[in-house]
Amino acid sequence: MRLSRERIFYLADLIMKELGTTAGVTVRAPDDLRTEIMRALTEEAKLADSIDGEVRKILGSYSRPMPEGSREWEVLYQKTREEVFRKRFRL
C-alpha cells in the first residue's frame, strides 16, 4: 500500500501524540523524533511496496492466469508474500 506524504505526516503526528500521553515517556527533542518516525514509516512503506511488487511478479509468471482479487489469487498472494518475507529476512 502506498502511503502519501500527507498520510505519513498524519501517522507521525498520531505516534507523537500517543508518546506524549504515555506515562514514563519524555520527549526531549520532538522535531528530531518526528523526523525519525517519518523516516521509519517511509522505509517501511518502501519495503512493503518492494515485497508487493515481487509477489505480483511471481504470481504473474504462473502459466495459468487467475483474476486479481479472486479467492484463489488472494490465498496465493498471502502465501507468496509470506515466503518472500521469510526469504528476505531469513525467518
PDB file of N, CA and C in Angstrom:
ATOM      1  N   MET A   1       0.839  -1.172   0.000  1.00  0.00           N
ATOM      2  CA  MET A   1       0.000   0.000   0.000  1.00  0.00           C
ATOM      3  C   MET A   1       0.883   1.234   0.000  1.00  0.00           C
ATOM      4  N   ARG A   2       0.629   2.114  -0.895  1.00  0.00           N
ATOM      5  CA  ARG A   2       1.385   3.354  -0.965  1.00  0.00           C
ATOM      6  C   ARG A   2       0.877   4.333   0.077  1.00  0.00           C
ATOM      7  N   LEU A   3       1.824   4.923   0.783  1.00  0.00           N
ATOM      8  CA  LEU A   3       1.472   5.954   1.754  1.00  0.00           C
ATOM      9  C   LEU A   3       1.832   7.308   1.165  1.00  0.00           C
ATOM     10  N   SER A   4       0.875   8.201   1.141  1.00  0.00           N
ATOM     11  CA  SER A   4       1.153   9.545   0.656  1.00  0.00           C
ATOM     12  C   SER A   4       1.944  10.303   1.713  1.00  0.00           C
ATOM     13  N   ARG A   5       2.550  11.369   1.295  1.00  0.00           N
ATOM     14  CA  ARG A   5       3.320  12.210   2.220  1.00  0.00           C
ATOM     15  C   ARG A   5       2.419  12.727   3.353  1.00  0.00           C
ATOM     16  N   GLU A   6       1.199  13.100   2.992  1.00  0.00           N
ATOM     17  CA  GLU A   6       0.257  13.604   3.990  1.00  0.00           C
ATOM     18  C   GLU A   6      -0.093  12.516   5.008  1.00  0.00           C
ATOM     19  N   ARG A   7      -0.257  11.283   4.517  1.00  0.00           N
ATOM     20  CA  ARG A   7      -0.585  10.164   5.406  1.00  0.00           C
ATOM     21  C   ARG A   7       0.572   9.886   6.368  1.00  0.00           C
ATOM     22  N   ILE A   8       1.801   9.972   5.865  1.00  0.00           N
ATOM     23  CA  ILE A   8       2.967   9.767   6.720  1.00  0.00           C
ATOM     24  C   ILE A   8       3.024  10.853   7.795  1.00  0.00           C
ATOM     25  N   PHE A   9       2.774  12.116   7.416  1.00  0.00           N
ATOM     26  CA  PHE A   9       2.737  13.198   8.400  1.00  0.00           C
ATOM     27  C   PHE A   9       1.664  12.934   9.457  1.00  0.00           C
ATOM     28  N   TYR A  10       0.488  12.511   8.997  1.00  0.00           N
ATOM     29  CA  TYR A  10      -0.615  12.238   9.900  1.00  0.00           C
ATOM     30  C   TYR A  10      -0.266  11.125  10.887  1.00  0.00           C
ATOM     31  N   LEU A  11       0.292  10.026  10.375  1.00  0.00           N
ATOM     32  CA  LEU A  11       0.668   8.908  11.249  1.00  0.00           C
ATOM     33  C   LEU A  11       1.765   9.311  12.218  1.00  0.00           C
ATOM     34  N   ALA A  12       2.734  10.094  11.749  1.00  0.00           N
ATOM     35  CA  ALA A  12       3.799  10.567  12.636  1.00  0.00           C
ATOM     36  C   ALA A  12       3.216  11.428  13.753  1.00  0.00           C
ATOM     37  N   ASP A  13       2.256  12.275  13.424  1.00  0.00           N
ATOM     38  CA  ASP A  13       1.606  13.103  14.453  1.00  0.00           C
ATOM     39  C   ASP A  13       0.847  12.245  15.461  1.00  0.00           C
ATOM     40  N   LEU A  14       0.148  11.229  14.973  1.00  0.00           N
ATOM     41  CA  LEU A  14      -0.565  10.322  15.884  1.00  0.00           C
ATOM     42  C   LEU A  14       0.405   9.626  16.842  1.00  0.00           C
ATOM     43  N   ILE A  15       1.520   9.156  16.300  1.00  0.00           N
ATOM     44  CA  ILE A  15       2.516   8.481  17.141  1.00  0.00           C
ATOM     45  C   ILE A  15       3.094   9.458  18.152  1.00  0.00           C
ATOM     46  N   MET A  16       3.386  10.674  17.721  1.00  0.00           N
ATOM     47  CA  MET A  16       3.925  11.697  18.636  1.00  0.00           C
ATOM     48  C   MET A  16       2.928  11.998  19.757  1.00  0.00           C
ATOM     49  N   LYS A  17       1.658  12.144  19.415  1.00  0.00           N
ATOM     50  CA  LYS A  17       0.638  12.425  20.430  1.00  0.00           C
ATOM     51  C   LYS A  17       0.532  11.280  21.425  1.00  0.00           C
ATOM     52  N   GLU A  18       0.555  10.058  20.919  1.00  0.00           N
ATOM     53  CA  GLU A  18       0.465   8.884  21.793  1.00  0.00           C
ATOM     54  C   GLU A  18       1.672   8.805  22.720  1.00  0.00           C
ATOM     55  N   LEU A  19       2.848   9.069  22.189  1.00  0.00           N
ATOM     56  CA  LEU A  19       4.044   9.062  23.033  1.00  0.00           C
ATOM     57  C   LEU A  19       3.978  10.165  24.089  1.00  0.00           C
ATOM     58  N   GLY A  20       3.415  11.299  23.705  1.00  0.00           N
ATOM     59  CA  GLY A  20       3.299  12.417  24.645  1.00  0.00           C
ATOM     60  C   GLY A  20       2.365  12.130  25.798  1.00  0.00           C
ATOM     61  N   THR A  21       1.394  11.250  25.589  1.00  0.00           N
ATOM     62  CA  THR A  21       0.436  10.934  26.653  1.00  0.00           C
ATOM     63  C   THR A  21       0.769   9.645  27.392  1.00  0.00           C
ATOM     64  N   THR A  22       1.865   8.995  26.995  1.00  0.00           N
ATOM     65  CA  THR A  22       2.267   7.744  27.639  1.00  0.00           C
ATOM     66  C   THR A  22       3.045   8.041  28.909  1.00  0.00           C
ATOM     67  N   ALA A  23       2.612   7.433  29.986  1.00  0.00           N
ATOM     68  CA  ALA A  23       3.284   7.642  31.272  1.00  0.00           C
ATOM     69  C   ALA A  23       4.706   7.108  31.204  1.00  0.00           C
ATOM     70  N   GLY A  24       5.634   7.887  31.726  1.00  0.00           N
ATOM     71  CA  GLY A  24       7.026   7.461  31.780  1.00  0.00           C
ATOM     72  C   GLY A  24       7.824   7.796  30.537  1.00  0.00           C
ATOM     73  N   VAL A  25       7.187   8.419  29.547  1.00  0.00           N
ATOM     74  CA  VAL A  25       7.895   8.781  28.324  1.00  0.00           C
ATOM     75  C   VAL A  25       8.034  10.293  28.271  1.00  0.00           C
ATOM     76  N   THR A  26       9.267  10.736  28.108  1.00  0.00           N
ATOM     77  CA  THR A  26       9.539  12.164  27.981  1.00  0.00           C
ATOM     78  C   THR A  26      10.202  12.394  26.625  1.00  0.00           C
ATOM     79  N   VAL A  27       9.618  13.262  25.842  1.00  0.00           N
ATOM     80  CA  VAL A  27      10.167  13.581  24.529  1.00  0.00           C
ATOM     81  C   VAL A  27      10.979  14.856  24.682  1.00  0.00           C
ATOM     82  N   ARG A  28      12.293  14.723  24.499  1.00  0.00           N
ATOM     83  CA  ARG A  28      13.181  15.871  24.700  1.00  0.00           C
ATOM     84  C   ARG A  28      13.369  16.689  23.427  1.00  0.00           C
ATOM     85  N   ALA A  29      13.396  16.020  22.300  1.00  0.00           N
ATOM     86  CA  ALA A  29      13.585  16.710  21.021  1.00  0.00           C
ATOM     87  C   ALA A  29      12.473  16.273  20.069  1.00  0.00           C
ATOM     88  N   PRO A  30      11.296  16.887  20.187  1.00  0.00           N
ATOM     89  CA  PRO A  30      10.152  16.436  19.384  1.00  0.00           C
ATOM     90  C   PRO A  30      10.385  16.531  17.872  1.00  0.00           C
ATOM     91  N   ASP A  31      11.094  17.551  17.409  1.00  0.00           N
ATOM     92  CA  ASP A  31      11.330  17.671  15.967  1.00  0.00           C
ATOM     93  C   ASP A  31      12.218  16.544  15.457  1.00  0.00           C
ATOM     94  N   ASP A  32      13.237  16.188  16.238  1.00  0.00           N
ATOM     95  CA  ASP A  32      14.118  15.083  15.841  1.00  0.00           C
ATOM     96  C   ASP A  32      13.355  13.763  15.857  1.00  0.00           C
ATOM     97  N   LEU A  33      12.512  13.586  16.865  1.00  0.00           N
ATOM     98  CA  LEU A  33      11.741  12.353  16.965  1.00  0.00           C
ATOM     99  C   LEU A  33      10.748  12.243  15.816  1.00  0.00           C
ATOM    100  N   ARG A  34      10.084  13.330  15.487  1.00  0.00           N
ATOM    101  CA  ARG A  34       9.113  13.323  14.384  1.00  0.00           C
ATOM    102  C   ARG A  34       9.821  12.963  13.070  1.00  0.00           C
ATOM    103  N   THR A  35      11.000  13.532  12.860  1.00  0.00           N
ATOM    104  CA  THR A  35      11.766  13.226  11.653  1.00  0.00           C
ATOM    105  C   THR A  35      12.131  11.752  11.602  1.00  0.00           C
ATOM    106  N   GLU A  36      12.547  11.198  12.724  1.00  0.00           N
ATOM    107  CA  GLU A  36      12.921   9.786  12.777  1.00  0.00           C
ATOM    108  C   GLU A  36      11.704   8.881  12.552  1.00  0.00           C
ATOM    109  N   ILE A  37      10.565   9.246  13.110  1.00  0.00           N
ATOM    110  CA  ILE A  37       9.332   8.479  12.906  1.00  0.00           C
ATOM    111  C   ILE A  37       8.954   8.498  11.425  1.00  0.00           C
ATOM    112  N   MET A  38       9.034   9.670  10.799  1.00  0.00           N
ATOM    113  CA  MET A  38       8.690   9.779   9.380  1.00  0.00           C
ATOM    114  C   MET A  38       9.655   8.955   8.531  1.00  0.00           C
ATOM    115  N   ARG A  39      10.932   8.951   8.875  1.00  0.00           N
ATOM    116  CA  ARG A  39      11.912   8.157   8.134  1.00  0.00           C
ATOM    117  C   ARG A  39      11.571   6.665   8.239  1.00  0.00           C
ATOM    118  N   ALA A  40      11.249   6.226   9.458  1.00  0.00           N
ATOM    119  CA  ALA A  40      10.918   4.811   9.668  1.00  0.00           C
ATOM    120  C   ALA A  40       9.648   4.419   8.901  1.00  0.00           C
ATOM    121  N   LEU A  41       8.641   5.273   8.933  1.00  0.00           N
ATOM    122  CA  LEU A  41       7.403   4.984   8.206  1.00  0.00           C
ATOM    123  C   LEU A  41       7.651   4.925   6.699  1.00  0.00           C
ATOM    124  N   THR A  42       8.477   5.830   6.193  1.00  0.00           N
ATOM    125  CA  THR A  42       8.792   5.854   4.770  1.00  0.00           C
ATOM    126  C   THR A  42       9.542   4.589   4.356  1.00  0.00           C
ATOM    127  N   GLU A  43      10.515   4.175   5.163  1.00  0.00           N
ATOM    128  CA  GLU A  43      11.263   2.951   4.855  1.00  0.00           C
ATOM    129  C   GLU A  43      10.355   1.724   4.877  1.00  0.00           C
ATOM    130  N   GLU A  44       9.464   1.650   5.842  1.00  0.00           N
ATOM    131  CA  GLU A  44       8.532   0.523   5.913  1.00  0.00           C
ATOM    132  C   GLU A  44       7.609   0.496   4.703  1.00  0.00           C
ATOM    133  N   ALA A  45       7.153   1.661   4.268  1.00  0.00           N
ATOM    134  CA  ALA A  45       6.275   1.731   3.098  1.00  0.00           C
ATOM    135  C   ALA A  45       7.020   1.277   1.843  1.00  0.00           C
ATOM    136  N   LYS A  46       8.286   1.685   1.709  1.00  0.00           N
ATOM    137  CA  LYS A  46       9.087   1.266   0.553  1.00  0.00           C
ATOM    138  C   LYS A  46       9.303  -0.240   0.569  1.00  0.00           C
ATOM    139  N   LEU A  47       9.570  -0.795   1.740  1.00  0.00           N
ATOM    140  CA  LEU A  47       9.763  -2.234   1.869  1.00  0.00           C
ATOM    141  C   LEU A  47       8.490  -2.985   1.488  1.00  0.00           C
ATOM    142  N   ALA A  48       7.361  -2.519   1.981  1.00  0.00           N
ATOM    143  CA  ALA A  48       6.084  -3.162   1.663  1.00  0.00           C
ATOM    144  C   ALA A  48       5.799  -3.099   0.167  1.00  0.00           C
ATOM    145  N   ASP A  49       6.093  -1.968  -0.474  1.00  0.00           N
ATOM    146  CA  ASP A  49       5.888  -1.837  -1.921  1.00  0.00           C
ATOM    147  C   ASP A  49       6.817  -2.768  -2.688  1.00  0.00           C
ATOM    148  N   SER A  50       8.035  -2.891  -2.221  1.00  0.00           N
ATOM    149  CA  SER A  50       9.001  -3.773  -2.870  1.00  0.00           C
ATOM    150  C   SER A  50       8.551  -5.233  -2.788  1.00  0.00           C
ATOM    151  N   ILE A  51       8.115  -5.652  -1.619  1.00  0.00           N
ATOM    152  CA  ILE A  51       7.628  -7.023  -1.447  1.00  0.00           C
ATOM    153  C   ILE A  51       6.386  -7.250  -2.296  1.00  0.00           C
ATOM    154  N   ASP A  52       5.479  -6.287  -2.311  1.00  0.00           N
ATOM    155  CA  ASP A  52       4.266  -6.401  -3.120  1.00  0.00           C
ATOM    156  C   ASP A  52       4.612  -6.558  -4.596  1.00  0.00           C
ATOM    157  N   GLY A  53       5.554  -5.774  -5.083  1.00  0.00           N
ATOM    158  CA  GLY A  53       5.967  -5.873  -6.480  1.00  0.00           C
ATOM    159  C   GLY A  53       6.554  -7.234  -6.811  1.00  0.00           C
ATOM    160  N   GLU A  54       7.376  -7.754  -5.912  1.00  0.00           N
ATOM    161  CA  GLU A  54       7.970  -9.066  -6.142  1.00  0.00           C
ATOM    162  C   GLU A  54       6.903 -10.160  -6.153  1.00  0.00           C
ATOM    163  N   VAL A  55       5.937 -10.068  -5.240  1.00  0.00           N
ATOM    164  CA  VAL A  55       4.864 -11.058  -5.178  1.00  0.00           C
ATOM    165  C   VAL A  55       4.025 -11.014  -6.451  1.00  0.00           C
ATOM    166  N   ARG A  56       3.675  -9.825  -6.902  1.00  0.00           N
ATOM    167  CA  ARG A  56       2.876  -9.697  -8.121  1.00  0.00           C
ATOM    168  C   ARG A  56       3.632 -10.232  -9.339  1.00  0.00           C
ATOM    169  N   LYS A  57       4.944 -10.022  -9.371  1.00  0.00           N
ATOM    170  CA  LYS A  57       5.757 -10.538 -10.461  1.00  0.00           C
ATOM    171  C   LYS A  57       5.737 -12.070 -10.467  1.00  0.00           C
ATOM    172  N   ILE A  58       5.866 -12.668  -9.287  1.00  0.00           N
ATOM    173  CA  ILE A  58       5.829 -14.126  -9.173  1.00  0.00           C
ATOM    174  C   ILE A  58       4.474 -14.658  -9.605  1.00  0.00           C
ATOM    175  N   LEU A  59       3.405 -14.047  -9.109  1.00  0.00           N
ATOM    176  CA  LEU A  59       2.061 -14.513  -9.467  1.00  0.00           C
ATOM    177  C   LEU A  59       1.781 -14.317 -10.960  1.00  0.00           C
ATOM    178  N   GLY A  60       2.343 -13.271 -11.537  1.00  0.00           N
ATOM    179  CA  GLY A  60       2.152 -13.020 -12.960  1.00  0.00           C
ATOM    180  C   GLY A  60       2.887 -14.018 -13.840  1.00  0.00           C
ATOM    181  N   SER A  61       3.885 -14.678 -13.289  1.00  0.00           N
ATOM    182  CA  SER A  61       4.666 -15.630 -14.080  1.00  0.00           C
ATOM    183  C   SER A  61       4.031 -17.018 -14.137  1.00  0.00           C
ATOM    184  N   TYR A  62       2.963 -17.244 -13.391  1.00  0.00           N
ATOM    185  CA  TYR A  62       2.301 -18.556 -13.412  1.00  0.00           C
ATOM    186  C   TYR A  62       1.686 -18.803 -14.782  1.00  0.00           C
ATOM    187  N   SER A  63       1.710 -20.062 -15.199  1.00  0.00           N
ATOM    188  CA  SER A  63       1.206 -20.401 -16.530  1.00  0.00           C
ATOM    189  C   SER A  63      -0.306 -20.255 -16.624  1.00  0.00           C
ATOM    190  N   ARG A  64      -0.985 -20.478 -15.517  1.00  0.00           N
ATOM    191  CA  ARG A  64      -2.443 -20.352 -15.517  1.00  0.00           C
ATOM    192  C   ARG A  64      -2.820 -19.021 -14.868  1.00  0.00           C
ATOM    193  N   PRO A  65      -3.231 -18.047 -15.669  1.00  0.00           N
ATOM    194  CA  PRO A  65      -3.567 -16.747 -15.074  1.00  0.00           C
ATOM    195  C   PRO A  65      -4.835 -16.837 -14.228  1.00  0.00           C
ATOM    196  N   MET A  66      -4.836 -16.079 -13.158  1.00  0.00           N
ATOM    197  CA  MET A  66      -6.023 -16.024 -12.310  1.00  0.00           C
ATOM    198  C   MET A  66      -6.395 -14.552 -12.120  1.00  0.00           C
ATOM    199  N   PRO A  67      -7.659 -14.269 -12.052  1.00  0.00           N
ATOM    200  CA  PRO A  67      -8.073 -12.874 -11.908  1.00  0.00           C
ATOM    201  C   PRO A  67      -7.677 -12.311 -10.541  1.00  0.00           C
ATOM    202  N   GLU A  68      -7.061 -11.144 -10.584  1.00  0.00           N
ATOM    203  CA  GLU A  68      -6.668 -10.496  -9.335  1.00  0.00           C
ATOM    204  C   GLU A  68      -7.913 -10.169  -8.521  1.00  0.00           C
ATOM    205  N   GLY A  69      -7.846 -10.475  -7.236  1.00  0.00           N
ATOM    206  CA  GLY A  69      -8.976 -10.233  -6.356  1.00  0.00           C
ATOM    207  C   GLY A  69      -9.828 -11.463  -6.114  1.00  0.00           C
ATOM    208  N   SER A  70      -9.610 -12.501  -6.918  1.00  0.00           N
ATOM    209  CA  SER A  70     -10.368 -13.734  -6.696  1.00  0.00           C
ATOM    210  C   SER A  70      -9.860 -14.397  -5.423  1.00  0.00           C
ATOM    211  N   ARG A  71     -10.627 -15.310  -4.897  1.00  0.00           N
ATOM    212  CA  ARG A  71     -10.249 -16.006  -3.658  1.00  0.00           C
ATOM    213  C   ARG A  71      -8.922 -16.752  -3.836  1.00  0.00           C
ATOM    214  N   GLU A  72      -8.785 -17.435  -4.979  1.00  0.00           N
ATOM    215  CA  GLU A  72      -7.557 -18.183  -5.261  1.00  0.00           C
ATOM    216  C   GLU A  72      -6.353 -17.237  -5.313  1.00  0.00           C
ATOM    217  N   TRP A  73      -6.526 -16.088  -5.975  1.00  0.00           N
ATOM    218  CA  TRP A  73      -5.443 -15.122  -6.080  1.00  0.00           C
ATOM    219  C   TRP A  73      -5.062 -14.592  -4.701  1.00  0.00           C
ATOM    220  N   GLU A  74      -6.047 -14.300  -3.875  1.00  0.00           N
ATOM    221  CA  GLU A  74      -5.779 -13.777  -2.527  1.00  0.00           C
ATOM    222  C   GLU A  74      -4.995 -14.779  -1.689  1.00  0.00           C
ATOM    223  N   VAL A  75      -5.386 -16.056  -1.761  1.00  0.00           N
ATOM    224  CA  VAL A  75      -4.695 -17.097  -0.992  1.00  0.00           C
ATOM    225  C   VAL A  75      -3.251 -17.227  -1.470  1.00  0.00           C
ATOM    226  N   LEU A  76      -3.056 -17.299  -2.793  1.00  0.00           N
ATOM    227  CA  LEU A  76      -1.706 -17.406  -3.335  1.00  0.00           C
ATOM    228  C   LEU A  76      -0.881 -16.158  -3.034  1.00  0.00           C
ATOM    229  N   TYR A  77      -1.519 -14.988  -3.074  1.00  0.00           N
ATOM    230  CA  TYR A  77      -0.820 -13.739  -2.764  1.00  0.00           C
ATOM    231  C   TYR A  77      -0.287 -13.784  -1.333  1.00  0.00           C
ATOM    232  N   GLN A  78      -1.133 -14.182  -0.384  1.00  0.00           N
ATOM    233  CA  GLN A  78      -0.707 -14.225   1.017  1.00  0.00           C
ATOM    234  C   GLN A  78       0.407 -15.245   1.233  1.00  0.00           C
ATOM    235  N   LYS A  79       0.278 -16.432   0.644  1.00  0.00           N
ATOM    236  CA  LYS A  79       1.316 -17.462   0.775  1.00  0.00           C
ATOM    237  C   LYS A  79       2.638 -16.982   0.190  1.00  0.00           C
ATOM    238  N   THR A  80       2.574 -16.422  -1.007  1.00  0.00           N
ATOM    239  CA  THR A  80       3.780 -15.956  -1.675  1.00  0.00           C
ATOM    240  C   THR A  80       4.396 -14.791  -0.922  1.00  0.00           C
ATOM    241  N   ARG A  81       3.564 -13.918  -0.393  1.00  0.00           N
ATOM    242  CA  ARG A  81       4.066 -12.771   0.380  1.00  0.00           C
ATOM    243  C   ARG A  81       4.820 -13.252   1.614  1.00  0.00           C
ATOM    244  N   GLU A  82       4.271 -14.235   2.297  1.00  0.00           N
ATOM    245  CA  GLU A  82       4.948 -14.789   3.477  1.00  0.00           C
ATOM    246  C   GLU A  82       6.278 -15.417   3.099  1.00  0.00           C
ATOM    247  N   GLU A  83       6.316 -16.130   1.965  1.00  0.00           N
ATOM    248  CA  GLU A  83       7.560 -16.754   1.515  1.00  0.00           C
ATOM    249  C   GLU A  83       8.617 -15.708   1.176  1.00  0.00           C
ATOM    250  N   VAL A  84       8.218 -14.660   0.465  1.00  0.00           N
ATOM    251  CA  VAL A  84       9.152 -13.600   0.091  1.00  0.00           C
ATOM    252  C   VAL A  84       9.665 -12.911   1.364  1.00  0.00           C
ATOM    253  N   PHE A  85       8.781 -12.658   2.299  1.00  0.00           N
ATOM    254  CA  PHE A  85       9.170 -12.009   3.552  1.00  0.00           C
ATOM    255  C   PHE A  85      10.180 -12.870   4.303  1.00  0.00           C
ATOM    256  N   ARG A  86       9.891 -14.190   4.406  1.00  0.00           N
ATOM    257  CA  ARG A  86      10.808 -15.103   5.084  1.00  0.00           C
ATOM    258  C   ARG A  86      12.163 -15.171   4.392  1.00  0.00           C
ATOM    259  N   LYS A  87      12.118 -15.191   3.058  1.00  0.00           N
ATOM    260  CA  LYS A  87      13.354 -15.263   2.284  1.00  0.00           C
ATOM    261  C   LYS A  87      14.203 -14.002   2.485  1.00  0.00           C
ATOM    262  N   ARG A  88      13.568 -12.852   2.501  1.00  0.00           N
ATOM    263  CA  ARG A  88      14.311 -11.596   2.665  1.00  0.00           C
ATOM    264  C   ARG A  88      14.891 -11.444   4.055  1.00  0.00           C
ATOM    265  N   PHE A  89      14.166 -11.884   5.055  1.00  0.00           N
ATOM    266  CA  PHE A  89      14.611 -11.670   6.434  1.00  0.00           C
ATOM    267  C   PHE A  89      15.086 -12.940   7.112  1.00  0.00           C
ATOM    268  N   ARG A  90      15.173 -14.022   6.328  1.00  0.00           N
ATOM    269  CA  ARG A  90      15.696 -15.298   6.821  1.00  0.00           C
ATOM    270  C   ARG A  90      15.014 -15.753   8.112  1.00  0.00           C
ATOM    271  N   LEU A  91      13.680 -15.703   8.086  1.00  0.00           N
ATOM    272  CA  LEU A  91      12.890 -16.128   9.261  1.00  0.00           C
ATOM    273  C   LEU A  91      12.528 -17.580   9.168  1.00  0.00           C
TER     274      LEU A  91
END
